[in-house]
Amino acid sequence: MTVVMVPFGVLLLWSIVSLGRDGRALPVHGLLTALCIGVGARGPVALAAIPVALFLALAAWFGLNRFAPQERMWRPAVMPAIVALVLVMGVIAATRLSGGPVLSIGVVLTGLVGVATSRTPLSQFVGLMMALDGVMVLAALHGTWPEWGAAVLLWMALATVGLLVLPRLAWLRADA
């Protein structure tokens, strides 16, 4: 049971470390998402979810890469990471769920903290993508087609909105 939780913990830590970053963290996040689905979920939903999670993460990285400033140096976002950790600890303390779903909820909350605390539209969008990766993991762990399909459709709708809106907001990117 402990070994099964390792990918979930690594995904949560990667989400926290990636707060405030542009889309360069998405391929690793997608790989960890697929690994969590492969380790924690069973059945045909898991078989379908693994390649879809990998494809969506790589497609998002490819699509968002043109909006990322190439010279940007990454600085850790300390306060958002503290807020995310406090929220995750609150969820762990308040619920009686097992480790995988709780850590997936933590990934969703971390992505939403990234949306709320980022200064650039690109970082906010990446936070939403990471939160929806957590929703996809939760849906795959539950193992029903309608939930997983809704998570994928929500992810694709957000990607479509991003393709329409981010080029117009590209002038807002900051070299923070």
N, C-alpha and C. Protein backbone atom coordinates (compact mmCIF):
# COMPACT_ATOMS: atom_id res chain seq x y z
N MET A 1 0.82 -1.19 0.00
CA MET A 1 0.00 0.00 0.00
C MET A 1 0.86 1.26 0.00
N THR A 2 1.98 1.23 0.69
CA THR A 2 2.84 2.41 0.77
C THR A 2 3.47 2.72 -0.58
N VAL A 3 3.90 1.70 -1.31
CA VAL A 3 4.52 1.92 -2.61
C VAL A 3 3.52 2.49 -3.60
N VAL A 4 2.26 2.12 -3.48
CA VAL A 4 1.22 2.62 -4.38
C VAL A 4 1.03 4.12 -4.20
N MET A 5 1.25 4.65 -3.01
CA MET A 5 1.03 6.06 -2.74
C MET A 5 2.19 6.95 -3.20
N VAL A 6 3.33 6.37 -3.52
CA VAL A 6 4.49 7.16 -3.91
C VAL A 6 4.21 8.04 -5.14
N PRO A 7 3.63 7.52 -6.23
CA PRO A 7 3.36 8.40 -7.37
C PRO A 7 2.40 9.55 -7.03
N PHE A 8 1.43 9.29 -6.18
CA PHE A 8 0.50 10.34 -5.79
C PHE A 8 1.22 11.44 -5.01
N GLY A 9 2.10 11.04 -4.11
CA GLY A 9 2.88 12.02 -3.35
C GLY A 9 3.82 12.81 -4.24
N VAL A 10 4.46 12.14 -5.19
CA VAL A 10 5.36 12.82 -6.11
C VAL A 10 4.58 13.80 -6.99
N LEU A 11 3.39 13.40 -7.44
CA LEU A 11 2.55 14.30 -8.23
C LEU A 11 2.17 15.53 -7.43
N LEU A 12 1.81 15.34 -6.17
CA LEU A 12 1.46 16.48 -5.32
C LEU A 12 2.67 17.40 -5.11
N LEU A 13 3.82 16.81 -4.84
CA LEU A 13 5.02 17.63 -4.65
C LEU A 13 5.40 18.36 -5.93
N TRP A 14 5.28 17.71 -7.07
CA TRP A 14 5.58 18.36 -8.35
C TRP A 14 4.61 19.51 -8.60
N SER A 15 3.36 19.33 -8.23
CA SER A 15 2.38 20.40 -8.39
C SER A 15 2.74 21.60 -7.52
N ILE A 16 3.18 21.33 -6.30
CA ILE A 16 3.55 22.43 -5.40
C ILE A 16 4.81 23.13 -5.91
N VAL A 17 5.79 22.37 -6.36
CA VAL A 17 7.02 22.97 -6.86
C VAL A 17 6.76 23.76 -8.14
N SER A 18 5.77 23.37 -8.92
CA SER A 18 5.49 24.01 -10.20
C SER A 18 4.61 25.24 -10.08
N LEU A 19 4.22 25.62 -8.88
CA LEU A 19 3.37 26.80 -8.72
C LEU A 19 4.04 28.03 -9.31
N GLY A 20 3.29 28.79 -10.10
CA GLY A 20 3.80 30.02 -10.67
C GLY A 20 4.65 29.85 -11.91
N ARG A 21 4.79 28.64 -12.40
CA ARG A 21 5.62 28.41 -13.58
C ARG A 21 4.79 28.40 -14.84
N ASP A 22 5.48 28.47 -15.97
CA ASP A 22 4.78 28.38 -17.24
C ASP A 22 4.62 26.91 -17.61
N GLY A 23 4.27 26.64 -18.85
CA GLY A 23 3.90 25.29 -19.25
C GLY A 23 5.01 24.28 -19.34
N ARG A 24 6.24 24.65 -18.99
CA ARG A 24 7.35 23.70 -19.10
C ARG A 24 7.24 22.53 -18.12
N ALA A 25 6.44 22.68 -17.09
CA ALA A 25 6.28 21.61 -16.10
C ALA A 25 5.20 20.61 -16.50
N LEU A 26 4.43 20.92 -17.54
CA LEU A 26 3.29 20.06 -17.90
C LEU A 26 3.66 18.66 -18.39
N PRO A 27 4.74 18.45 -19.17
CA PRO A 27 5.02 17.07 -19.58
C PRO A 27 5.29 16.14 -18.39
N VAL A 28 6.05 16.60 -17.42
CA VAL A 28 6.32 15.77 -16.25
C VAL A 28 5.04 15.59 -15.44
N HIS A 29 4.23 16.64 -15.35
CA HIS A 29 2.96 16.54 -14.63
C HIS A 29 2.04 15.51 -15.31
N GLY A 30 2.00 15.52 -16.62
CA GLY A 30 1.20 14.54 -17.35
C GLY A 30 1.71 13.13 -17.18
N LEU A 31 3.02 12.96 -17.18
CA LEU A 31 3.60 11.64 -16.95
C LEU A 31 3.26 11.14 -15.56
N LEU A 32 3.35 12.00 -14.56
CA LEU A 32 3.00 11.61 -13.20
C LEU A 32 1.50 11.33 -13.06
N THR A 33 0.68 12.10 -13.78
CA THR A 33 -0.76 11.85 -13.79
C THR A 33 -1.06 10.46 -14.35
N ALA A 34 -0.44 10.13 -15.48
CA ALA A 34 -0.64 8.80 -16.08
C ALA A 34 -0.13 7.70 -15.15
N LEU A 35 0.98 7.95 -14.46
CA LEU A 35 1.52 6.97 -13.53
C LEU A 35 0.56 6.74 -12.35
N CYS A 36 -0.02 7.83 -11.84
CA CYS A 36 -0.99 7.69 -10.75
C CYS A 36 -2.23 6.92 -11.20
N ILE A 37 -2.69 7.20 -12.41
CA ILE A 37 -3.85 6.48 -12.93
C ILE A 37 -3.50 5.00 -13.10
N GLY A 38 -2.30 4.72 -13.64
CA GLY A 38 -1.89 3.34 -13.85
C GLY A 38 -1.72 2.56 -12.55
N VAL A 39 -1.26 3.23 -11.50
CA VAL A 39 -1.04 2.56 -10.23
C VAL A 39 -2.33 2.42 -9.44
N GLY A 40 -3.17 3.46 -9.45
CA GLY A 40 -4.33 3.47 -8.57
C GLY A 40 -5.63 3.01 -9.18
N ALA A 41 -5.79 3.10 -10.48
CA ALA A 41 -7.07 2.77 -11.11
C ALA A 41 -6.98 1.41 -11.79
N ARG A 42 -8.12 0.81 -11.97
CA ARG A 42 -8.21 -0.49 -12.62
C ARG A 42 -9.35 -0.46 -13.64
N GLY A 43 -9.28 -1.35 -14.61
CA GLY A 43 -10.37 -1.51 -15.55
C GLY A 43 -10.17 -0.74 -16.84
N PRO A 44 -11.21 -0.74 -17.67
CA PRO A 44 -11.10 -0.11 -18.98
C PRO A 44 -10.93 1.41 -18.92
N VAL A 45 -11.45 2.06 -17.88
CA VAL A 45 -11.28 3.51 -17.76
C VAL A 45 -9.80 3.82 -17.57
N ALA A 46 -9.11 3.04 -16.77
CA ALA A 46 -7.68 3.27 -16.55
C ALA A 46 -6.90 3.05 -17.84
N LEU A 47 -7.26 2.02 -18.60
CA LEU A 47 -6.56 1.76 -19.86
C LEU A 47 -6.74 2.91 -20.85
N ALA A 48 -7.91 3.51 -20.85
CA ALA A 48 -8.15 4.64 -21.74
C ALA A 48 -7.53 5.93 -21.19
N ALA A 49 -7.49 6.07 -19.87
CA ALA A 49 -7.04 7.32 -19.26
C ALA A 49 -5.54 7.52 -19.36
N ILE A 50 -4.77 6.47 -19.33
CA ILE A 50 -3.31 6.61 -19.34
C ILE A 50 -2.81 7.27 -20.63
N PRO A 51 -3.12 6.76 -21.81
CA PRO A 51 -2.61 7.43 -23.02
C PRO A 51 -3.24 8.81 -23.23
N VAL A 52 -4.49 8.99 -22.82
CA VAL A 52 -5.13 10.30 -22.97
C VAL A 52 -4.44 11.33 -22.09
N ALA A 53 -4.11 10.97 -20.85
CA ALA A 53 -3.41 11.90 -19.95
C ALA A 53 -2.05 12.29 -20.52
N LEU A 54 -1.32 11.32 -21.05
CA LEU A 54 -0.03 11.63 -21.66
C LEU A 54 -0.17 12.53 -22.88
N PHE A 55 -1.12 12.20 -23.74
CA PHE A 55 -1.33 12.99 -24.95
C PHE A 55 -1.75 14.42 -24.61
N LEU A 56 -2.68 14.59 -23.68
CA LEU A 56 -3.15 15.93 -23.34
C LEU A 56 -2.04 16.78 -22.73
N ALA A 57 -1.21 16.18 -21.89
CA ALA A 57 -0.11 16.95 -21.28
C ALA A 57 0.90 17.38 -22.33
N LEU A 58 1.25 16.49 -23.24
CA LEU A 58 2.21 16.86 -24.28
C LEU A 58 1.62 17.87 -25.25
N ALA A 59 0.33 17.73 -25.56
CA ALA A 59 -0.32 18.70 -26.44
C ALA A 59 -0.38 20.07 -25.78
N ALA A 60 -0.67 20.11 -24.48
CA ALA A 60 -0.71 21.39 -23.77
C ALA A 60 0.68 22.03 -23.73
N TRP A 61 1.69 21.23 -23.48
CA TRP A 61 3.04 21.75 -23.45
C TRP A 61 3.43 22.31 -24.82
N PHE A 62 3.11 21.58 -25.86
CA PHE A 62 3.43 22.03 -27.22
C PHE A 62 2.68 23.32 -27.55
N GLY A 63 1.41 23.39 -27.15
CA GLY A 63 0.62 24.57 -27.46
C GLY A 63 1.01 25.79 -26.62
N LEU A 64 1.39 25.58 -25.37
CA LEU A 64 1.72 26.70 -24.49
C LEU A 64 3.17 27.14 -24.59
N ASN A 65 4.00 26.33 -25.17
CA ASN A 65 5.43 26.64 -25.24
C ASN A 65 5.71 27.95 -25.98
N ARG A 66 4.89 28.29 -26.94
CA ARG A 66 5.14 29.52 -27.71
C ARG A 66 4.81 30.78 -26.91
N PHE A 67 4.03 30.65 -25.83
CA PHE A 67 3.71 31.81 -25.01
C PHE A 67 4.70 32.02 -23.88
N ALA A 68 5.55 31.05 -23.62
CA ALA A 68 6.48 31.15 -22.49
C ALA A 68 7.68 32.00 -22.87
N PRO A 69 8.03 32.95 -22.02
CA PRO A 69 9.26 33.71 -22.29
C PRO A 69 10.47 32.79 -22.16
N GLN A 70 11.33 32.80 -23.14
CA GLN A 70 12.44 31.85 -23.16
C GLN A 70 13.54 32.19 -22.14
N GLU A 71 13.65 33.45 -21.77
CA GLU A 71 14.74 33.84 -20.88
C GLU A 71 14.33 33.86 -19.42
N ARG A 72 13.13 33.49 -19.11
CA ARG A 72 12.63 33.59 -17.73
C ARG A 72 13.35 32.63 -16.80
N MET A 73 13.82 33.17 -15.72
CA MET A 73 14.43 32.35 -14.68
C MET A 73 13.34 32.00 -13.68
N TRP A 74 13.33 30.77 -13.22
CA TRP A 74 12.31 30.32 -12.28
C TRP A 74 12.71 30.67 -10.87
N ARG A 75 11.77 31.27 -10.15
CA ARG A 75 11.94 31.54 -8.73
C ARG A 75 10.84 30.81 -7.99
N PRO A 76 11.18 30.16 -6.89
CA PRO A 76 10.15 29.41 -6.17
C PRO A 76 9.08 30.35 -5.60
N ALA A 77 7.85 29.89 -5.64
CA ALA A 77 6.73 30.64 -5.07
C ALA A 77 6.50 30.11 -3.66
N VAL A 78 7.04 30.78 -2.68
CA VAL A 78 7.03 30.27 -1.31
C VAL A 78 5.64 30.37 -0.67
N MET A 79 5.04 31.55 -0.72
CA MET A 79 3.74 31.73 -0.07
C MET A 79 2.64 30.85 -0.69
N PRO A 80 2.54 30.78 -2.02
CA PRO A 80 1.55 29.85 -2.58
C PRO A 80 1.79 28.40 -2.18
N ALA A 81 3.06 28.01 -2.07
CA ALA A 81 3.36 26.64 -1.65
C ALA A 81 2.91 26.40 -0.21
N ILE A 82 3.10 27.39 0.65
CA ILE A 82 2.65 27.26 2.04
C ILE A 82 1.13 27.18 2.09
N VAL A 83 0.44 28.03 1.32
CA VAL A 83 -1.02 27.99 1.28
C VAL A 83 -1.50 26.63 0.79
N ALA A 84 -0.88 26.10 -0.26
CA ALA A 84 -1.27 24.79 -0.80
C ALA A 84 -1.04 23.69 0.23
N LEU A 85 0.08 23.73 0.93
CA LEU A 85 0.35 22.72 1.95
C LEU A 85 -0.65 22.79 3.10
N VAL A 86 -1.02 24.00 3.50
CA VAL A 86 -2.02 24.15 4.57
C VAL A 86 -3.36 23.59 4.12
N LEU A 87 -3.76 23.86 2.87
CA LEU A 87 -5.02 23.32 2.35
C LEU A 87 -4.98 21.80 2.28
N VAL A 88 -3.88 21.25 1.82
CA VAL A 88 -3.76 19.79 1.73
C VAL A 88 -3.82 19.17 3.12
N MET A 89 -3.11 19.76 4.07
CA MET A 89 -3.16 19.22 5.44
C MET A 89 -4.57 19.34 6.03
N GLY A 90 -5.29 20.40 5.69
CA GLY A 90 -6.68 20.52 6.13
C GLY A 90 -7.57 19.45 5.55
N VAL A 91 -7.37 19.12 4.27
CA VAL A 91 -8.15 18.05 3.64
C VAL A 91 -7.82 16.71 4.28
N ILE A 92 -6.54 16.47 4.52
CA ILE A 92 -6.15 15.20 5.15
C ILE A 92 -6.75 15.08 6.54
N ALA A 93 -6.76 16.18 7.29
CA ALA A 93 -7.30 16.14 8.65
C ALA A 93 -8.82 16.03 8.66
N ALA A 94 -9.49 16.56 7.64
CA ALA A 94 -10.94 16.63 7.66
C ALA A 94 -11.64 15.44 7.02
N THR A 95 -10.93 14.59 6.34
CA THR A 95 -11.59 13.51 5.61
C THR A 95 -11.07 12.15 6.06
N ARG A 96 -11.87 11.15 5.77
CA ARG A 96 -11.49 9.77 6.08
C ARG A 96 -11.23 8.97 4.80
N LEU A 97 -10.94 9.64 3.71
CA LEU A 97 -10.64 8.95 2.46
C LEU A 97 -9.26 8.31 2.53
N SER A 98 -9.03 7.39 1.61
CA SER A 98 -7.71 6.76 1.55
C SER A 98 -6.71 7.71 0.89
N GLY A 99 -5.46 7.31 0.81
CA GLY A 99 -4.38 8.18 0.38
C GLY A 99 -4.48 8.71 -1.04
N GLY A 100 -4.78 7.86 -2.02
CA GLY A 100 -4.83 8.29 -3.41
C GLY A 100 -5.82 9.40 -3.68
N PRO A 101 -7.09 9.23 -3.32
CA PRO A 101 -8.04 10.31 -3.55
C PRO A 101 -7.71 11.60 -2.78
N VAL A 102 -7.21 11.47 -1.57
CA VAL A 102 -6.87 12.67 -0.79
C VAL A 102 -5.73 13.43 -1.45
N LEU A 103 -4.71 12.71 -1.90
CA LEU A 103 -3.59 13.38 -2.56
C LEU A 103 -4.00 13.95 -3.91
N SER A 104 -4.95 13.30 -4.59
CA SER A 104 -5.46 13.85 -5.85
C SER A 104 -6.26 15.13 -5.60
N ILE A 105 -7.02 15.15 -4.52
CA ILE A 105 -7.72 16.39 -4.13
C ILE A 105 -6.69 17.46 -3.82
N GLY A 106 -5.58 17.07 -3.21
CA GLY A 106 -4.51 18.02 -2.95
C GLY A 106 -3.93 18.60 -4.23
N VAL A 107 -3.81 17.79 -5.28
CA VAL A 107 -3.32 18.28 -6.57
C VAL A 107 -4.30 19.29 -7.15
N VAL A 108 -5.60 19.01 -7.04
CA VAL A 108 -6.62 19.95 -7.53
C VAL A 108 -6.52 21.27 -6.76
N LEU A 109 -6.44 21.19 -5.45
CA LEU A 109 -6.34 22.41 -4.64
C LEU A 109 -5.05 23.17 -4.93
N THR A 110 -3.95 22.47 -5.14
CA THR A 110 -2.70 23.13 -5.47
C THR A 110 -2.80 23.87 -6.79
N GLY A 111 -3.42 23.26 -7.78
CA GLY A 111 -3.63 23.94 -9.06
C GLY A 111 -4.49 25.19 -8.90
N LEU A 112 -5.52 25.10 -8.07
CA LEU A 112 -6.37 26.27 -7.85
C LEU A 112 -5.64 27.36 -7.08
N VAL A 113 -4.75 26.98 -6.17
CA VAL A 113 -3.91 27.98 -5.49
C VAL A 113 -3.01 28.66 -6.53
N GLY A 114 -2.49 27.88 -7.47
CA GLY A 114 -1.68 28.45 -8.54
C GLY A 114 -2.45 29.45 -9.38
N VAL A 115 -3.72 29.18 -9.61
CA VAL A 115 -4.56 30.11 -10.36
C VAL A 115 -4.76 31.40 -9.56
N ALA A 116 -5.01 31.25 -8.28
CA ALA A 116 -5.32 32.41 -7.45
C ALA A 116 -4.11 33.28 -7.16
N THR A 117 -2.92 32.72 -7.15
CA THR A 117 -1.75 33.49 -6.72
C THR A 117 -0.79 33.86 -7.84
N SER A 118 -0.99 33.38 -9.05
CA SER A 118 -0.09 33.70 -10.15
C SER A 118 -0.34 35.11 -10.67
N ARG A 119 0.72 35.70 -11.21
CA ARG A 119 0.61 37.06 -11.72
C ARG A 119 0.37 37.13 -13.21
N THR A 120 0.67 36.08 -13.93
CA THR A 120 0.52 36.12 -15.38
C THR A 120 -0.60 35.18 -15.82
N PRO A 121 -1.27 35.51 -16.91
CA PRO A 121 -2.33 34.62 -17.41
C PRO A 121 -1.82 33.23 -17.76
N LEU A 122 -0.60 33.13 -18.27
CA LEU A 122 -0.05 31.83 -18.62
C LEU A 122 0.11 30.94 -17.39
N SER A 123 0.64 31.49 -16.30
CA SER A 123 0.80 30.72 -15.07
C SER A 123 -0.55 30.32 -14.49
N GLN A 124 -1.53 31.20 -14.59
CA GLN A 124 -2.86 30.87 -14.11
C GLN A 124 -3.46 29.75 -14.94
N PHE A 125 -3.27 29.80 -16.24
CA PHE A 125 -3.79 28.77 -17.12
C PHE A 125 -3.13 27.42 -16.83
N VAL A 126 -1.83 27.42 -16.60
CA VAL A 126 -1.12 26.19 -16.27
C VAL A 126 -1.64 25.63 -14.95
N GLY A 127 -1.95 26.49 -13.98
CA GLY A 127 -2.54 26.04 -12.73
C GLY A 127 -3.87 25.35 -12.95
N LEU A 128 -4.69 25.90 -13.84
CA LEU A 128 -5.96 25.24 -14.17
C LEU A 128 -5.75 23.89 -14.82
N MET A 129 -4.76 23.80 -15.70
CA MET A 129 -4.48 22.53 -16.37
C MET A 129 -4.05 21.47 -15.34
N MET A 130 -3.22 21.89 -14.38
CA MET A 130 -2.78 20.96 -13.35
C MET A 130 -3.93 20.53 -12.45
N ALA A 131 -4.82 21.47 -12.14
CA ALA A 131 -6.00 21.13 -11.33
C ALA A 131 -6.87 20.12 -12.08
N LEU A 132 -7.03 20.31 -13.38
CA LEU A 132 -7.85 19.37 -14.15
C LEU A 132 -7.16 18.02 -14.32
N ASP A 133 -5.84 17.99 -14.31
CA ASP A 133 -5.15 16.69 -14.27
C ASP A 133 -5.52 15.95 -12.99
N GLY A 134 -5.59 16.67 -11.87
CA GLY A 134 -6.02 16.04 -10.62
C GLY A 134 -7.45 15.54 -10.69
N VAL A 135 -8.31 16.30 -11.36
CA VAL A 135 -9.70 15.86 -11.54
C VAL A 135 -9.74 14.60 -12.40
N MET A 136 -8.89 14.52 -13.42
CA MET A 136 -8.84 13.31 -14.24
C MET A 136 -8.39 12.10 -13.43
N VAL A 137 -7.42 12.30 -12.54
CA VAL A 137 -6.98 11.20 -11.69
C VAL A 137 -8.11 10.75 -10.78
N LEU A 138 -8.82 11.71 -10.18
CA LEU A 138 -9.95 11.35 -9.31
C LEU A 138 -11.02 10.58 -10.08
N ALA A 139 -11.33 11.04 -11.28
CA ALA A 139 -12.36 10.37 -12.08
C ALA A 139 -11.91 8.97 -12.47
N ALA A 140 -10.64 8.80 -12.80
CA ALA A 140 -10.14 7.46 -13.16
C ALA A 140 -10.12 6.55 -11.94
N LEU A 141 -9.80 7.09 -10.77
CA LEU A 141 -9.82 6.27 -9.56
C LEU A 141 -11.23 5.80 -9.23
N HIS A 142 -12.21 6.65 -9.51
CA HIS A 142 -13.59 6.25 -9.26
C HIS A 142 -14.04 5.21 -10.28
N GLY A 143 -13.52 5.30 -11.49
CA GLY A 143 -13.71 4.24 -12.48
C GLY A 143 -14.99 4.25 -13.27
N THR A 144 -15.65 5.39 -13.39
CA THR A 144 -16.86 5.43 -14.22
C THR A 144 -16.59 6.26 -15.46
N TRP A 145 -17.15 5.79 -16.57
CA TRP A 145 -16.95 6.49 -17.84
C TRP A 145 -17.53 7.90 -17.84
N PRO A 146 -18.73 8.13 -17.32
CA PRO A 146 -19.26 9.51 -17.38
C PRO A 146 -18.39 10.52 -16.62
N GLU A 147 -17.89 10.16 -15.46
CA GLU A 147 -17.04 11.09 -14.70
C GLU A 147 -15.73 11.36 -15.44
N TRP A 148 -15.11 10.30 -15.94
CA TRP A 148 -13.85 10.48 -16.64
C TRP A 148 -14.06 11.25 -17.94
N GLY A 149 -15.13 10.94 -18.65
CA GLY A 149 -15.44 11.67 -19.88
C GLY A 149 -15.70 13.15 -19.62
N ALA A 150 -16.40 13.44 -18.53
CA ALA A 150 -16.65 14.84 -18.18
C ALA A 150 -15.34 15.55 -17.84
N ALA A 151 -14.43 14.86 -17.15
CA ALA A 151 -13.13 15.47 -16.81
C ALA A 151 -12.33 15.76 -18.08
N VAL A 152 -12.33 14.83 -19.02
CA VAL A 152 -11.59 15.03 -20.27
C VAL A 152 -12.24 16.15 -21.09
N LEU A 153 -13.56 16.17 -21.17
CA LEU A 153 -14.24 17.24 -21.91
C LEU A 153 -14.00 18.61 -21.28
N LEU A 154 -13.98 18.67 -19.96
CA LEU A 154 -13.67 19.92 -19.28
C LEU A 154 -12.25 20.36 -19.58
N TRP A 155 -11.33 19.42 -19.59
CA TRP A 155 -9.93 19.72 -19.92
C TRP A 155 -9.82 20.25 -21.34
N MET A 156 -10.53 19.60 -22.29
CA MET A 156 -10.48 20.02 -23.68
C MET A 156 -11.15 21.38 -23.89
N ALA A 157 -12.23 21.64 -23.15
CA ALA A 157 -12.88 22.94 -23.24
C ALA A 157 -11.94 24.04 -22.73
N LEU A 158 -11.25 23.77 -21.64
CA LEU A 158 -10.29 24.75 -21.13
C LEU A 158 -9.16 24.97 -22.12
N ALA A 159 -8.68 23.91 -22.75
CA ALA A 159 -7.62 24.06 -23.76
C ALA A 159 -8.10 24.89 -24.94
N THR A 160 -9.34 24.70 -25.35
CA THR A 160 -9.89 25.50 -26.45
C THR A 160 -9.98 26.97 -26.07
N VAL A 161 -10.46 27.24 -24.87
CA VAL A 161 -10.53 28.63 -24.39
C VAL A 161 -9.12 29.22 -24.33
N GLY A 162 -8.16 28.42 -23.87
CA GLY A 162 -6.78 28.89 -23.81
C GLY A 162 -6.22 29.23 -25.18
N LEU A 163 -6.54 28.41 -26.17
CA LEU A 163 -6.06 28.69 -27.53
C LEU A 163 -6.67 29.97 -28.09
N LEU A 164 -7.88 30.29 -27.66
CA LEU A 164 -8.53 31.50 -28.14
C LEU A 164 -8.11 32.74 -27.36
N VAL A 165 -7.89 32.61 -26.07
CA VAL A 165 -7.67 33.78 -25.22
C VAL A 165 -6.19 34.09 -25.02
N LEU A 166 -5.35 33.09 -24.83
CA LEU A 166 -3.95 33.35 -24.51
C LEU A 166 -3.19 34.14 -25.58
N PRO A 167 -3.43 33.93 -26.87
CA PRO A 167 -2.73 34.79 -27.84
C PRO A 167 -3.08 36.27 -27.66
N ARG A 168 -4.30 36.56 -27.26
CA ARG A 168 -4.69 37.94 -27.04
C ARG A 168 -4.08 38.50 -25.75
N LEU A 169 -3.78 37.62 -24.80
CA LEU A 169 -3.19 38.04 -23.54
C LEU A 169 -1.67 37.93 -23.53
N ALA A 170 -1.08 37.54 -24.65
CA ALA A 170 0.37 37.31 -24.67
C ALA A 170 1.14 38.59 -24.36
N TRP A 171 0.58 39.72 -24.64
CA TRP A 171 1.28 40.96 -24.34
C TRP A 171 1.33 41.25 -22.84
N LEU A 172 0.53 40.52 -22.05
CA LEU A 172 0.52 40.72 -20.60
C LEU A 172 1.59 39.92 -19.86
N ARG A 173 2.28 39.05 -20.57
CA ARG A 173 3.24 38.22 -19.84
C ARG A 173 4.34 39.09 -19.25
N ALA A 174 4.69 38.73 -18.07
CA ALA A 174 5.68 39.52 -17.33
C ALA A 174 6.95 38.71 -17.15
N ASP A 175 8.03 39.39 -17.12
CA ASP A 175 9.31 38.73 -16.87
C ASP A 175 9.61 38.75 -15.39
N ALA A 176 8.64 38.31 -14.60
CA ALA A 176 8.76 38.37 -13.14
C ALA A 176 9.81 37.47 -12.59
